[in-house]
């Protein structure tokens, strides 16, 4: 259930608040899915992933196996 989800923010977010950096929040839901939302606009919705999809995403991030051609900087 999403209403009772415990949302966690990255320790790299700069503490959030009015002067905090842009960040996402993550919650592990009781049905085994993982939800992600924008910490600045949580009411605008979230996306959900299965455990296998989320594990593959984290593995790609750790391995830096991402499409760097589309990086904003």
N, C-alpha and C. Protein backbone atom coordinates (compact mmCIF):
# COMPACT_ATOMS: atom_id res chain seq x y z
N UNK A 1 0.85 -1.19 0.00
CA UNK A 1 0.00 0.00 0.00
C UNK A 1 0.88 1.24 0.00
N UNK A 2 0.56 2.18 -0.83
CA UNK A 2 1.39 3.36 -1.01
C UNK A 2 1.17 4.39 0.11
N UNK A 3 -0.04 4.46 0.65
CA UNK A 3 -0.32 5.44 1.70
C UNK A 3 0.55 5.25 2.93
N UNK A 4 0.92 4.01 3.20
CA UNK A 4 1.72 3.71 4.38
C UNK A 4 3.20 3.53 4.04
N UNK A 5 3.60 3.88 2.85
CA UNK A 5 4.99 3.69 2.42
C UNK A 5 5.93 4.58 3.23
N UNK A 6 7.10 4.05 3.49
CA UNK A 6 8.16 4.83 4.13
C UNK A 6 9.11 5.27 3.05
N UNK A 7 9.09 6.55 2.74
CA UNK A 7 9.91 7.11 1.68
C UNK A 7 11.28 7.49 2.24
N UNK A 8 12.34 7.18 1.49
CA UNK A 8 13.70 7.52 1.90
C UNK A 8 14.33 8.40 0.83
N UNK A 9 15.09 9.37 1.27
CA UNK A 9 15.77 10.29 0.37
C UNK A 9 17.27 9.97 0.42
N UNK A 10 17.92 10.15 -0.70
CA UNK A 10 19.35 9.91 -0.78
C UNK A 10 20.13 10.80 0.17
N UNK A 11 21.20 10.24 0.74
CA UNK A 11 22.07 11.05 1.60
C UNK A 11 22.84 12.08 0.78
N UNK A 12 22.82 11.95 -0.55
CA UNK A 12 23.48 12.90 -1.44
C UNK A 12 22.57 14.06 -1.82
N UNK A 13 21.37 14.14 -1.22
CA UNK A 13 20.39 15.15 -1.62
C UNK A 13 20.66 16.52 -1.03
N UNK A 14 21.62 16.66 -0.18
CA UNK A 14 21.91 17.96 0.43
C UNK A 14 20.94 18.31 1.53
N UNK A 15 20.24 17.33 2.05
CA UNK A 15 19.34 17.58 3.17
C UNK A 15 17.94 18.01 2.77
N UNK A 16 17.69 18.21 1.50
CA UNK A 16 16.36 18.60 1.07
C UNK A 16 15.99 19.99 1.56
N UNK A 17 14.73 20.20 1.83
CA UNK A 17 14.27 21.51 2.31
C UNK A 17 14.30 22.55 1.21
N UNK A 18 14.16 23.80 1.58
CA UNK A 18 14.10 24.88 0.60
C UNK A 18 15.39 25.06 -0.18
N UNK A 19 16.53 24.82 0.46
CA UNK A 19 17.80 25.01 -0.22
C UNK A 19 18.43 23.72 -0.69
N UNK A 20 17.73 22.59 -0.53
CA UNK A 20 18.30 21.29 -0.87
C UNK A 20 18.39 21.05 -2.37
N UNK A 21 19.18 20.08 -2.71
CA UNK A 21 19.37 19.73 -4.11
C UNK A 21 18.17 18.94 -4.63
N UNK A 22 18.08 18.85 -5.96
CA UNK A 22 17.05 18.03 -6.57
C UNK A 22 17.27 16.59 -6.15
N UNK A 23 16.22 15.86 -5.93
CA UNK A 23 16.39 14.52 -5.42
C UNK A 23 15.16 13.67 -5.73
N UNK A 24 15.37 12.38 -5.65
CA UNK A 24 14.27 11.43 -5.73
C UNK A 24 14.17 10.72 -4.39
N UNK A 25 12.98 10.17 -4.14
CA UNK A 25 12.75 9.36 -2.95
C UNK A 25 12.37 7.96 -3.41
N UNK A 26 12.68 6.98 -2.59
CA UNK A 26 12.40 5.59 -2.91
C UNK A 26 11.67 4.95 -1.75
N UNK A 27 10.75 4.05 -2.07
CA UNK A 27 10.03 3.30 -1.04
C UNK A 27 9.88 1.86 -1.49
N UNK A 28 10.12 0.94 -0.58
CA UNK A 28 9.88 -0.48 -0.83
C UNK A 28 8.46 -0.76 -0.37
N UNK A 29 7.62 -1.22 -1.28
CA UNK A 29 6.20 -1.43 -0.98
C UNK A 29 5.94 -2.87 -0.55
N UNK A 30 4.83 -3.08 0.16
CA UNK A 30 4.52 -4.40 0.71
C UNK A 30 4.29 -5.46 -0.36
N UNK A 31 3.94 -5.06 -1.57
CA UNK A 31 3.71 -6.04 -2.64
C UNK A 31 5.01 -6.45 -3.34
N UNK A 32 6.16 -5.95 -2.83
CA UNK A 32 7.45 -6.32 -3.40
C UNK A 32 7.95 -5.38 -4.47
N UNK A 33 7.15 -4.38 -4.84
CA UNK A 33 7.60 -3.41 -5.83
C UNK A 33 8.35 -2.27 -5.14
N UNK A 34 9.01 -1.49 -5.96
CA UNK A 34 9.76 -0.32 -5.48
C UNK A 34 9.17 0.90 -6.17
N UNK A 35 8.86 1.93 -5.39
CA UNK A 35 8.29 3.17 -5.94
C UNK A 35 9.34 4.27 -5.86
N UNK A 36 9.35 5.12 -6.89
CA UNK A 36 10.27 6.26 -6.94
C UNK A 36 9.44 7.50 -7.28
N UNK A 37 9.75 8.62 -6.58
CA UNK A 37 9.04 9.86 -6.86
C UNK A 37 9.99 11.05 -6.70
N UNK A 38 9.57 12.18 -7.23
CA UNK A 38 10.32 13.43 -7.11
C UNK A 38 10.08 13.99 -5.72
N UNK A 39 11.15 14.20 -4.95
CA UNK A 39 10.97 14.67 -3.58
C UNK A 39 10.42 16.08 -3.49
N UNK A 40 10.60 16.87 -4.54
CA UNK A 40 10.09 18.24 -4.54
C UNK A 40 8.59 18.29 -4.85
N UNK A 41 8.09 17.26 -5.53
CA UNK A 41 6.68 17.24 -5.95
C UNK A 41 6.08 15.86 -5.74
N UNK A 42 6.03 15.38 -4.52
CA UNK A 42 5.54 14.01 -4.30
C UNK A 42 4.09 13.79 -4.72
N UNK A 43 3.30 14.83 -4.73
CA UNK A 43 1.89 14.69 -5.12
C UNK A 43 1.72 14.48 -6.62
N UNK A 44 2.77 14.69 -7.40
CA UNK A 44 2.67 14.54 -8.84
C UNK A 44 2.81 13.10 -9.31
N UNK A 45 2.89 12.18 -8.39
CA UNK A 45 2.91 10.77 -8.75
C UNK A 45 4.27 10.13 -8.57
N UNK A 46 4.30 8.86 -8.94
CA UNK A 46 5.51 8.07 -8.79
C UNK A 46 5.50 6.98 -9.84
N UNK A 47 6.63 6.32 -9.97
CA UNK A 47 6.69 5.16 -10.86
C UNK A 47 7.04 3.96 -10.00
N UNK A 48 6.56 2.79 -10.43
CA UNK A 48 6.80 1.56 -9.68
C UNK A 48 7.55 0.57 -10.56
N UNK A 49 8.44 -0.15 -9.92
CA UNK A 49 9.23 -1.17 -10.59
C UNK A 49 9.15 -2.46 -9.78
N UNK A 50 9.24 -3.59 -10.48
CA UNK A 50 9.38 -4.87 -9.81
C UNK A 50 10.78 -4.98 -9.25
N UNK A 51 10.97 -5.92 -8.32
CA UNK A 51 12.27 -6.10 -7.68
C UNK A 51 13.35 -6.44 -8.71
N UNK A 52 13.04 -7.26 -9.69
CA UNK A 52 14.02 -7.64 -10.72
C UNK A 52 14.42 -6.45 -11.57
N UNK A 53 13.44 -5.63 -11.95
CA UNK A 53 13.73 -4.42 -12.74
C UNK A 53 14.59 -3.44 -11.96
N UNK A 54 14.28 -3.26 -10.68
CA UNK A 54 15.04 -2.31 -9.86
C UNK A 54 16.46 -2.81 -9.65
N UNK A 55 16.63 -4.12 -9.42
CA UNK A 55 17.96 -4.69 -9.24
C UNK A 55 18.81 -4.49 -10.50
N UNK A 56 18.20 -4.67 -11.68
CA UNK A 56 18.92 -4.47 -12.94
C UNK A 56 19.30 -3.00 -13.12
N UNK A 57 18.42 -2.10 -12.72
CA UNK A 57 18.70 -0.66 -12.82
C UNK A 57 19.87 -0.29 -11.92
N UNK A 58 19.84 -0.75 -10.67
CA UNK A 58 20.94 -0.44 -9.74
C UNK A 58 22.25 -1.06 -10.21
N UNK A 59 22.20 -2.26 -10.77
CA UNK A 59 23.42 -2.91 -11.27
C UNK A 59 24.01 -2.10 -12.42
N UNK A 60 23.16 -1.57 -13.31
CA UNK A 60 23.64 -0.75 -14.43
C UNK A 60 24.25 0.55 -13.93
N UNK A 61 23.65 1.14 -12.92
CA UNK A 61 24.19 2.38 -12.34
C UNK A 61 25.54 2.11 -11.71
N UNK A 62 25.63 1.04 -10.92
CA UNK A 62 26.91 0.71 -10.27
C UNK A 62 28.00 0.42 -11.28
N UNK A 63 27.64 -0.22 -12.38
CA UNK A 63 28.62 -0.57 -13.42
C UNK A 63 28.86 0.59 -14.38
N UNK A 64 28.12 1.69 -14.18
CA UNK A 64 28.17 2.83 -15.09
C UNK A 64 27.89 2.41 -16.52
N UNK A 65 27.01 1.46 -16.67
CA UNK A 65 26.62 0.93 -17.97
C UNK A 65 25.35 1.65 -18.44
N UNK A 66 25.48 2.95 -18.61
CA UNK A 66 24.35 3.79 -18.99
C UNK A 66 24.69 4.54 -20.27
N UNK A 67 23.70 5.09 -20.89
CA UNK A 67 23.90 5.85 -22.12
C UNK A 67 24.39 7.25 -21.76
N UNK A 68 25.70 7.44 -21.73
CA UNK A 68 26.28 8.74 -21.36
C UNK A 68 26.16 9.77 -22.47
N UNK A 69 25.75 9.37 -23.65
CA UNK A 69 25.59 10.31 -24.75
C UNK A 69 24.47 11.30 -24.52
N UNK A 70 23.55 10.98 -23.64
CA UNK A 70 22.42 11.85 -23.36
C UNK A 70 22.58 12.60 -22.04
N UNK A 71 23.75 12.63 -21.51
CA UNK A 71 24.01 13.27 -20.20
C UNK A 71 23.84 14.79 -20.32
N UNK A 72 23.20 15.36 -19.35
CA UNK A 72 23.05 16.81 -19.29
C UNK A 72 24.20 17.38 -18.47
N UNK A 73 24.92 18.32 -19.02
CA UNK A 73 25.99 18.97 -18.24
C UNK A 73 26.52 20.15 -19.01
